[in-house]
Amino acid sequence: MKSITFHINHSAYTINIGEDADNKLEEGLKKFLSTDKNLTTEELLLAYLQKTQEQVSFETKLQSIIDTSILSRENLRK
């Protein structure tokens, strides 16, 4: 099991992130949150908002791909 520690408002928080053999989860967490310095509540909120924006963008792109695929299949049936 792998764990990662964040320092937020001068308190350390260690979370278990499971196996994470390819380090994708760790990289995703570190994309917006530093493990090398103390984070403020404002920085934590900003990281949450950035990750949410990234997720919304991903969902929009995915939905567009799904819609395009559905339209292509419908056109093939005609």
PDB file of N, CA and C in Angstrom:
ATOM      1  N   MET A   1       0.830  -1.180   0.000  1.00  0.00           N
ATOM      2  CA  MET A   1       0.000   0.000   0.000  1.00  0.00           C
ATOM      3  C   MET A   1       0.879   1.250   0.000  1.00  0.00           C
ATOM      4  N   LYS A   2       0.438   2.222  -0.741  1.00  0.00           N
ATOM      5  CA  LYS A   2       1.197   3.458  -0.879  1.00  0.00           C
ATOM      6  C   LYS A   2       0.467   4.576  -0.128  1.00  0.00           C
ATOM      7  N   SER A   3       1.226   5.474   0.454  1.00  0.00           N
ATOM      8  CA  SER A   3       0.611   6.617   1.128  1.00  0.00           C
ATOM      9  C   SER A   3       1.305   7.898   0.680  1.00  0.00           C
ATOM     10  N   ILE A   4       0.614   9.004   0.884  1.00  0.00           N
ATOM     11  CA  ILE A   4       1.144  10.311   0.510  1.00  0.00           C
ATOM     12  C   ILE A   4       0.766  11.286   1.626  1.00  0.00           C
ATOM     13  N   THR A   5       1.671  12.202   1.945  1.00  0.00           N
ATOM     14  CA  THR A   5       1.445  13.146   3.037  1.00  0.00           C
ATOM     15  C   THR A   5       1.362  14.565   2.503  1.00  0.00           C
ATOM     16  N   PHE A   6       0.316  15.256   2.917  1.00  0.00           N
ATOM     17  CA  PHE A   6       0.143  16.671   2.615  1.00  0.00           C
ATOM     18  C   PHE A   6       0.208  17.441   3.919  1.00  0.00           C
ATOM     19  N   HIS A   7       0.792  18.625   3.871  1.00  0.00           N
ATOM     20  CA  HIS A   7       0.863  19.506   5.037  1.00  0.00           C
ATOM     21  C   HIS A   7      -0.080  20.676   4.774  1.00  0.00           C
ATOM     22  N   ILE A   8      -1.149  20.722   5.560  1.00  0.00           N
ATOM     23  CA  ILE A   8      -2.189  21.733   5.375  1.00  0.00           C
ATOM     24  C   ILE A   8      -2.376  22.482   6.681  1.00  0.00           C
ATOM     25  N   ASN A   9      -2.209  23.799   6.635  1.00  0.00           N
ATOM     26  CA  ASN A   9      -2.327  24.652   7.824  1.00  0.00           C
ATOM     27  C   ASN A   9      -1.501  24.103   8.980  1.00  0.00           C
ATOM     28  N   HIS A  10      -0.262  23.716   8.665  1.00  0.00           N
ATOM     29  CA  HIS A  10       0.727  23.245   9.638  1.00  0.00           C
ATOM     30  C   HIS A  10       0.338  21.943  10.328  1.00  0.00           C
ATOM     31  N   SER A  11      -0.511  21.162   9.688  1.00  0.00           N
ATOM     32  CA  SER A  11      -0.826  19.815  10.162  1.00  0.00           C
ATOM     33  C   SER A  11      -0.543  18.842   9.027  1.00  0.00           C
ATOM     34  N   ALA A  12       0.001  17.688   9.384  1.00  0.00           N
ATOM     35  CA  ALA A  12       0.310  16.672   8.370  1.00  0.00           C
ATOM     36  C   ALA A  12      -0.852  15.704   8.237  1.00  0.00           C
ATOM     37  N   TYR A  13      -1.230  15.431   7.000  1.00  0.00           N
ATOM     38  CA  TYR A  13      -2.304  14.487   6.705  1.00  0.00           C
ATOM     39  C   TYR A  13      -1.751  13.427   5.754  1.00  0.00           C
ATOM     40  N   THR A  14      -1.663  12.208   6.230  1.00  0.00           N
ATOM     41  CA  THR A  14      -1.186  11.102   5.413  1.00  0.00           C
ATOM     42  C   THR A  14      -2.389  10.278   4.995  1.00  0.00           C
ATOM     43  N   ILE A  15      -2.502  10.071   3.684  1.00  0.00           N
ATOM     44  CA  ILE A  15      -3.617   9.294   3.163  1.00  0.00           C
ATOM     45  C   ILE A  15      -3.081   8.068   2.430  1.00  0.00           C
ATOM     46  N   ASN A  16      -3.808   6.981   2.554  1.00  0.00           N
ATOM     47  CA  ASN A  16      -3.461   5.756   1.866  1.00  0.00           C
ATOM     48  C   ASN A  16      -4.084   5.816   0.477  1.00  0.00           C
ATOM     49  N   ILE A  17      -3.253   5.673  -0.550  1.00  0.00           N
ATOM     50  CA  ILE A  17      -3.776   5.736  -1.922  1.00  0.00           C
ATOM     51  C   ILE A  17      -3.758   4.368  -2.602  1.00  0.00           C
ATOM     52  N   GLY A  18      -3.602   3.313  -1.830  1.00  0.00           N
ATOM     53  CA  GLY A  18      -3.662   1.960  -2.379  1.00  0.00           C
ATOM     54  C   GLY A  18      -2.394   1.572  -3.121  1.00  0.00           C
ATOM     55  N   GLU A  19      -2.540   0.657  -4.053  1.00  0.00           N
ATOM     56  CA  GLU A  19      -1.379   0.130  -4.780  1.00  0.00           C
ATOM     57  C   GLU A  19      -0.755   1.168  -5.702  1.00  0.00           C
ATOM     58  N   ASP A  20      -1.524   1.804  -6.560  1.00  0.00           N
ATOM     59  CA  ASP A  20      -1.057   2.858  -7.473  1.00  0.00           C
ATOM     60  C   ASP A  20       0.256   2.490  -8.162  1.00  0.00           C
ATOM     61  N   ALA A  21       0.284   1.288  -8.762  1.00  0.00           N
ATOM     62  CA  ALA A  21       1.506   0.759  -9.385  1.00  0.00           C
ATOM     63  C   ALA A  21       2.076   1.672 -10.461  1.00  0.00           C
ATOM     64  N   ASP A  22       1.217   2.346 -11.209  1.00  0.00           N
ATOM     65  CA  ASP A  22       1.693   3.216 -12.290  1.00  0.00           C
ATOM     66  C   ASP A  22       1.818   4.683 -11.870  1.00  0.00           C
ATOM     67  N   ASN A  23       1.617   4.974 -10.598  1.00  0.00           N
ATOM     68  CA  ASN A  23       1.753   6.326 -10.016  1.00  0.00           C
ATOM     69  C   ASN A  23       0.767   7.342 -10.580  1.00  0.00           C
ATOM     70  N   LYS A  24      -0.279   6.898 -11.249  1.00  0.00           N
ATOM     71  CA  LYS A  24      -1.241   7.830 -11.853  1.00  0.00           C
ATOM     72  C   LYS A  24      -1.998   8.620 -10.784  1.00  0.00           C
ATOM     73  N   LEU A  25      -2.426   7.951  -9.722  1.00  0.00           N
ATOM     74  CA  LEU A  25      -3.167   8.648  -8.673  1.00  0.00           C
ATOM     75  C   LEU A  25      -2.268   9.663  -7.972  1.00  0.00           C
ATOM     76  N   GLU A  26      -1.060   9.238  -7.638  1.00  0.00           N
ATOM     77  CA  GLU A  26      -0.119  10.149  -6.979  1.00  0.00           C
ATOM     78  C   GLU A  26       0.170  11.365  -7.857  1.00  0.00           C
ATOM     79  N   GLU A  27       0.424  11.129  -9.140  1.00  0.00           N
ATOM     80  CA  GLU A  27       0.684  12.235 -10.069  1.00  0.00           C
ATOM     81  C   GLU A  27      -0.521  13.163 -10.165  1.00  0.00           C
ATOM     82  N   GLY A  28      -1.713  12.581 -10.192  1.00  0.00           N
ATOM     83  CA  GLY A  28      -2.926  13.387 -10.250  1.00  0.00           C
ATOM     84  C   GLY A  28      -3.102  14.255  -9.026  1.00  0.00           C
ATOM     85  N   LEU A  29      -2.784  13.700  -7.856  1.00  0.00           N
ATOM     86  CA  LEU A  29      -2.889  14.483  -6.616  1.00  0.00           C
ATOM     87  C   LEU A  29      -1.843  15.593  -6.575  1.00  0.00           C
ATOM     88  N   LYS A  30      -0.639  15.282  -7.022  1.00  0.00           N
ATOM     89  CA  LYS A  30       0.454  16.258  -6.967  1.00  0.00           C
ATOM     90  C   LYS A  30       0.357  17.311  -8.072  1.00  0.00           C
ATOM     91  N   LYS A  31      -0.526  17.095  -9.034  1.00  0.00           N
ATOM     92  CA  LYS A  31      -0.666  18.067 -10.119  1.00  0.00           C
ATOM     93  C   LYS A  31      -1.071  19.437  -9.579  1.00  0.00           C
ATOM     94  N   PHE A  32      -1.949  19.449  -8.593  1.00  0.00           N
ATOM     95  CA  PHE A  32      -2.436  20.716  -8.046  1.00  0.00           C
ATOM     96  C   PHE A  32      -2.069  20.915  -6.574  1.00  0.00           C
ATOM     97  N   LEU A  33      -1.527  19.885  -5.926  1.00  0.00           N
ATOM     98  CA  LEU A  33      -1.177  19.979  -4.502  1.00  0.00           C
ATOM     99  C   LEU A  33       0.281  19.604  -4.293  1.00  0.00           C
ATOM    100  N   SER A  34       1.033  20.490  -3.701  1.00  0.00           N
ATOM    101  CA  SER A  34       2.442  20.225  -3.422  1.00  0.00           C
ATOM    102  C   SER A  34       2.569  19.391  -2.147  1.00  0.00           C
ATOM    103  N   THR A  35       3.512  18.469  -2.161  1.00  0.00           N
ATOM    104  CA  THR A  35       3.823  17.719  -0.943  1.00  0.00           C
ATOM    105  C   THR A  35       5.097  18.254  -0.299  1.00  0.00           C
ATOM    106  N   ASP A  36       5.685  19.265  -0.922  1.00  0.00           N
ATOM    107  CA  ASP A  36       6.963  19.807  -0.461  1.00  0.00           C
ATOM    108  C   ASP A  36       6.835  21.024   0.450  1.00  0.00           C
ATOM    109  N   LYS A  37       5.618  21.519   0.634  1.00  0.00           N
ATOM    110  CA  LYS A  37       5.461  22.730   1.444  1.00  0.00           C
ATOM    111  C   LYS A  37       4.115  22.713   2.154  1.00  0.00           C
ATOM    112  N   ASN A  38       3.973  23.586   3.117  1.00  0.00           N
ATOM    113  CA  ASN A  38       2.708  23.740   3.818  1.00  0.00           C
ATOM    114  C   ASN A  38       1.698  24.416   2.890  1.00  0.00           C
ATOM    115  N   LEU A  39       0.517  23.847   2.831  1.00  0.00           N
ATOM    116  CA  LEU A  39      -0.549  24.417   2.013  1.00  0.00           C
ATOM    117  C   LEU A  39      -1.537  25.164   2.902  1.00  0.00           C
ATOM    118  N   THR A  40      -2.039  26.269   2.391  1.00  0.00           N
ATOM    119  CA  THR A  40      -3.071  27.002   3.115  1.00  0.00           C
ATOM    120  C   THR A  40      -4.445  26.484   2.689  1.00  0.00           C
ATOM    121  N   THR A  41      -5.453  26.854   3.428  1.00  0.00           N
ATOM    122  CA  THR A  41      -6.818  26.488   3.063  1.00  0.00           C
ATOM    123  C   THR A  41      -7.159  27.050   1.695  1.00  0.00           C
ATOM    124  N   GLU A  42      -6.708  28.254   1.409  1.00  0.00           N
ATOM    125  CA  GLU A  42      -6.957  28.881   0.108  1.00  0.00           C
ATOM    126  C   GLU A  42      -6.337  28.058  -1.022  1.00  0.00           C
ATOM    127  N   GLU A  43      -5.113  27.578  -0.828  1.00  0.00           N
ATOM    128  CA  GLU A  43      -4.450  26.761  -1.845  1.00  0.00           C
ATOM    129  C   GLU A  43      -5.166  25.424  -2.038  1.00  0.00           C
ATOM    130  N   LEU A  44      -5.650  24.862  -0.949  1.00  0.00           N
ATOM    131  CA  LEU A  44      -6.398  23.607  -1.025  1.00  0.00           C
ATOM    132  C   LEU A  44      -7.698  23.802  -1.797  1.00  0.00           C
ATOM    133  N   LEU A  45      -8.407  24.888  -1.530  1.00  0.00           N
ATOM    134  CA  LEU A  45      -9.642  25.201  -2.247  1.00  0.00           C
ATOM    135  C   LEU A  45      -9.352  25.447  -3.725  1.00  0.00           C
ATOM    136  N   LEU A  46      -8.285  26.170  -4.022  1.00  0.00           N
ATOM    137  CA  LEU A  46      -7.911  26.427  -5.413  1.00  0.00           C
ATOM    138  C   LEU A  46      -7.616  25.118  -6.137  1.00  0.00           C
ATOM    139  N   ALA A  47      -6.902  24.206  -5.494  1.00  0.00           N
ATOM    140  CA  ALA A  47      -6.602  22.908  -6.106  1.00  0.00           C
ATOM    141  C   ALA A  47      -7.890  22.134  -6.375  1.00  0.00           C
ATOM    142  N   TYR A  48      -8.823  22.189  -5.453  1.00  0.00           N
ATOM    143  CA  TYR A  48     -10.116  21.522  -5.647  1.00  0.00           C
ATOM    144  C   TYR A  48     -10.851  22.110  -6.851  1.00  0.00           C
ATOM    145  N   LEU A  49     -10.857  23.426  -6.958  1.00  0.00           N
ATOM    146  CA  LEU A  49     -11.533  24.087  -8.078  1.00  0.00           C
ATOM    147  C   LEU A  49     -10.849  23.754  -9.407  1.00  0.00           C
ATOM    148  N   GLN A  50      -9.522  23.711  -9.414  1.00  0.00           N
ATOM    149  CA  GLN A  50      -8.791  23.369 -10.637  1.00  0.00           C
ATOM    150  C   GLN A  50      -9.086  21.931 -11.060  1.00  0.00           C
ATOM    151  N   LYS A  51      -9.110  21.016 -10.096  1.00  0.00           N
ATOM    152  CA  LYS A  51      -9.398  19.617 -10.403  1.00  0.00           C
ATOM    153  C   LYS A  51     -10.841  19.461 -10.875  1.00  0.00           C
ATOM    154  N   THR A  52     -11.756  20.210 -10.284  1.00  0.00           N
ATOM    155  CA  THR A  52     -13.151  20.173 -10.708  1.00  0.00           C
ATOM    156  C   THR A  52     -13.280  20.689 -12.134  1.00  0.00           C
ATOM    157  N   GLN A  53     -12.600  21.775 -12.448  1.00  0.00           N
ATOM    158  CA  GLN A  53     -12.621  22.328 -13.806  1.00  0.00           C
ATOM    159  C   GLN A  53     -12.057  21.318 -14.798  1.00  0.00           C
ATOM    160  N   GLU A  54     -10.982  20.647 -14.439  1.00  0.00           N
ATOM    161  CA  GLU A  54     -10.389  19.625 -15.288  1.00  0.00           C
ATOM    162  C   GLU A  54     -11.383  18.478 -15.516  1.00  0.00           C
ATOM    163  N   GLN A  55     -12.076  18.067 -14.467  1.00  0.00           N
ATOM    164  CA  GLN A  55     -13.057  16.986 -14.565  1.00  0.00           C
ATOM    165  C   GLN A  55     -14.231  17.379 -15.458  1.00  0.00           C
ATOM    166  N   VAL A  56     -14.729  18.595 -15.306  1.00  0.00           N
ATOM    167  CA  VAL A  56     -15.844  19.069 -16.133  1.00  0.00           C
ATOM    168  C   VAL A  56     -15.424  19.101 -17.597  1.00  0.00           C
ATOM    169  N   SER A  57     -14.211  19.557 -17.871  1.00  0.00           N
ATOM    170  CA  SER A  57     -13.705  19.591 -19.240  1.00  0.00           C
ATOM    171  C   SER A  57     -13.614  18.169 -19.812  1.00  0.00           C
ATOM    172  N   PHE A  58     -13.102  17.246 -19.010  1.00  0.00           N
ATOM    173  CA  PHE A  58     -12.999  15.854 -19.428  1.00  0.00           C
ATOM    174  C   PHE A  58     -14.381  15.272 -19.730  1.00  0.00           C
ATOM    175  N   GLU A  59     -15.346  15.524 -18.856  1.00  0.00           N
ATOM    176  CA  GLU A  59     -16.701  15.007 -19.059  1.00  0.00           C
ATOM    177  C   GLU A  59     -17.340  15.587 -20.317  1.00  0.00           C
ATOM    178  N   THR A  60     -17.100  16.868 -20.583  1.00  0.00           N
ATOM    179  CA  THR A  60     -17.634  17.511 -21.783  1.00  0.00           C
ATOM    180  C   THR A  60     -17.047  16.873 -23.040  1.00  0.00           C
ATOM    181  N   LYS A  61     -15.737  16.663 -23.046  1.00  0.00           N
ATOM    182  CA  LYS A  61     -15.081  16.029 -24.198  1.00  0.00           C
ATOM    183  C   LYS A  61     -15.575  14.597 -24.386  1.00  0.00           C
ATOM    184  N   LEU A  62     -15.712  13.873 -23.292  1.00  0.00           N
ATOM    185  CA  LEU A  62     -16.190  12.498 -23.360  1.00  0.00           C
ATOM    186  C   LEU A  62     -17.611  12.435 -23.907  1.00  0.00           C
ATOM    187  N   GLN A  63     -18.466  13.338 -23.443  1.00  0.00           N
ATOM    188  CA  GLN A  63     -19.843  13.368 -23.931  1.00  0.00           C
ATOM    189  C   GLN A  63     -19.881  13.692 -25.421  1.00  0.00           C
ATOM    190  N   SER A  64     -19.015  14.571 -25.870  1.00  0.00           N
ATOM    191  CA  SER A  64     -18.933  14.907 -27.287  1.00  0.00           C
ATOM    192  C   SER A  64     -18.530  13.682 -28.113  1.00  0.00           C
ATOM    193  N   ILE A  65     -17.573  12.915 -27.610  1.00  0.00           N
ATOM    194  CA  ILE A  65     -17.145  11.696 -28.299  1.00  0.00           C
ATOM    195  C   ILE A  65     -18.293  10.692 -28.349  1.00  0.00           C
ATOM    196  N   ILE A  66     -19.006  10.536 -27.255  1.00  0.00           N
ATOM    197  CA  ILE A  66     -20.148   9.618 -27.204  1.00  0.00           C
ATOM    198  C   ILE A  66     -21.223  10.057 -28.188  1.00  0.00           C
ATOM    199  N   ASP A  67     -21.547  11.343 -28.175  1.00  0.00           N
ATOM    200  CA  ASP A  67     -22.570  11.860 -29.090  1.00  0.00           C
ATOM    201  C   ASP A  67     -22.177  11.650 -30.543  1.00  0.00           C
ATOM    202  N   THR A  68     -20.923  11.912 -30.873  1.00  0.00           N
ATOM    203  CA  THR A  68     -20.434  11.721 -32.239  1.00  0.00           C
ATOM    204  C   THR A  68     -20.523  10.253 -32.636  1.00  0.00           C
ATOM    205  N   SER A  69     -20.170   9.373 -31.717  1.00  0.00           N
ATOM    206  CA  SER A  69     -20.233   7.932 -31.979  1.00  0.00           C
ATOM    207  C   SER A  69     -21.667   7.480 -32.215  1.00  0.00           C
ATOM    208  N   ILE A  70     -22.588   7.986 -31.416  1.00  0.00           N
ATOM    209  CA  ILE A  70     -24.006   7.630 -31.570  1.00  0.00           C
ATOM    210  C   ILE A  70     -24.532   8.123 -32.912  1.00  0.00           C
ATOM    211  N   LEU A  71     -24.190   9.354 -33.279  1.00  0.00           N
ATOM    212  CA  LEU A  71     -24.632   9.895 -34.568  1.00  0.00           C
ATOM    213  C   LEU A  71     -24.043   9.090 -35.726  1.00  0.00           C
ATOM    214  N   SER A  72     -22.789   8.687 -35.605  1.00  0.00           N
ATOM    215  CA  SER A  72     -22.160   7.893 -36.670  1.00  0.00           C
ATOM    216  C   SER A  72     -22.866   6.564 -36.844  1.00  0.00           C
ATOM    217  N   ARG A  73     -23.212   5.929 -35.743  1.00  0.00           N
ATOM    218  CA  ARG A  73     -23.921   4.650 -35.820  1.00  0.00           C
ATOM    219  C   ARG A  73     -25.304   4.825 -36.428  1.00  0.00           C
ATOM    220  N   GLU A  74     -25.980   5.884 -36.073  1.00  0.00           N
ATOM    221  CA  GLU A  74     -27.308   6.140 -36.621  1.00  0.00           C
ATOM    222  C   GLU A  74     -27.245   6.391 -38.131  1.00  0.00           C
ATOM    223  N   ASN A  75     -26.225   7.102 -38.563  1.00  0.00           N
ATOM    224  CA  ASN A  75     -26.056   7.375 -40.001  1.00  0.00           C
ATOM    225  C   ASN A  75     -25.711   6.105 -40.772  1.00  0.00           C
ATOM    226  N   LEU A  76     -25.013   5.184 -40.149  1.00  0.00           N
ATOM    227  CA  LEU A  76     -24.666   3.924 -40.810  1.00  0.00           C
ATOM    228  C   LEU A  76     -25.913   3.042 -40.992  1.00  0.00           C
ATOM    229  N   ARG A  77     -26.841   3.153 -40.097  1.00  0.00           N
ATOM    230  CA  ARG A  77     -28.062   2.346 -40.166  1.00  0.00           C
ATOM    231  C   ARG A  77     -29.014   2.828 -41.267  1.00  0.00           C
ATOM    232  N   LYS A  78     -28.866   4.046 -41.679  1.00  0.00           N
ATOM    233  CA  LYS A  78     -29.770   4.629 -42.679  1.00  0.00           C
ATOM    234  C   LYS A  78     -29.437   4.184 -44.068  1.00  0.00           C
TER     235      LYS A  78
END
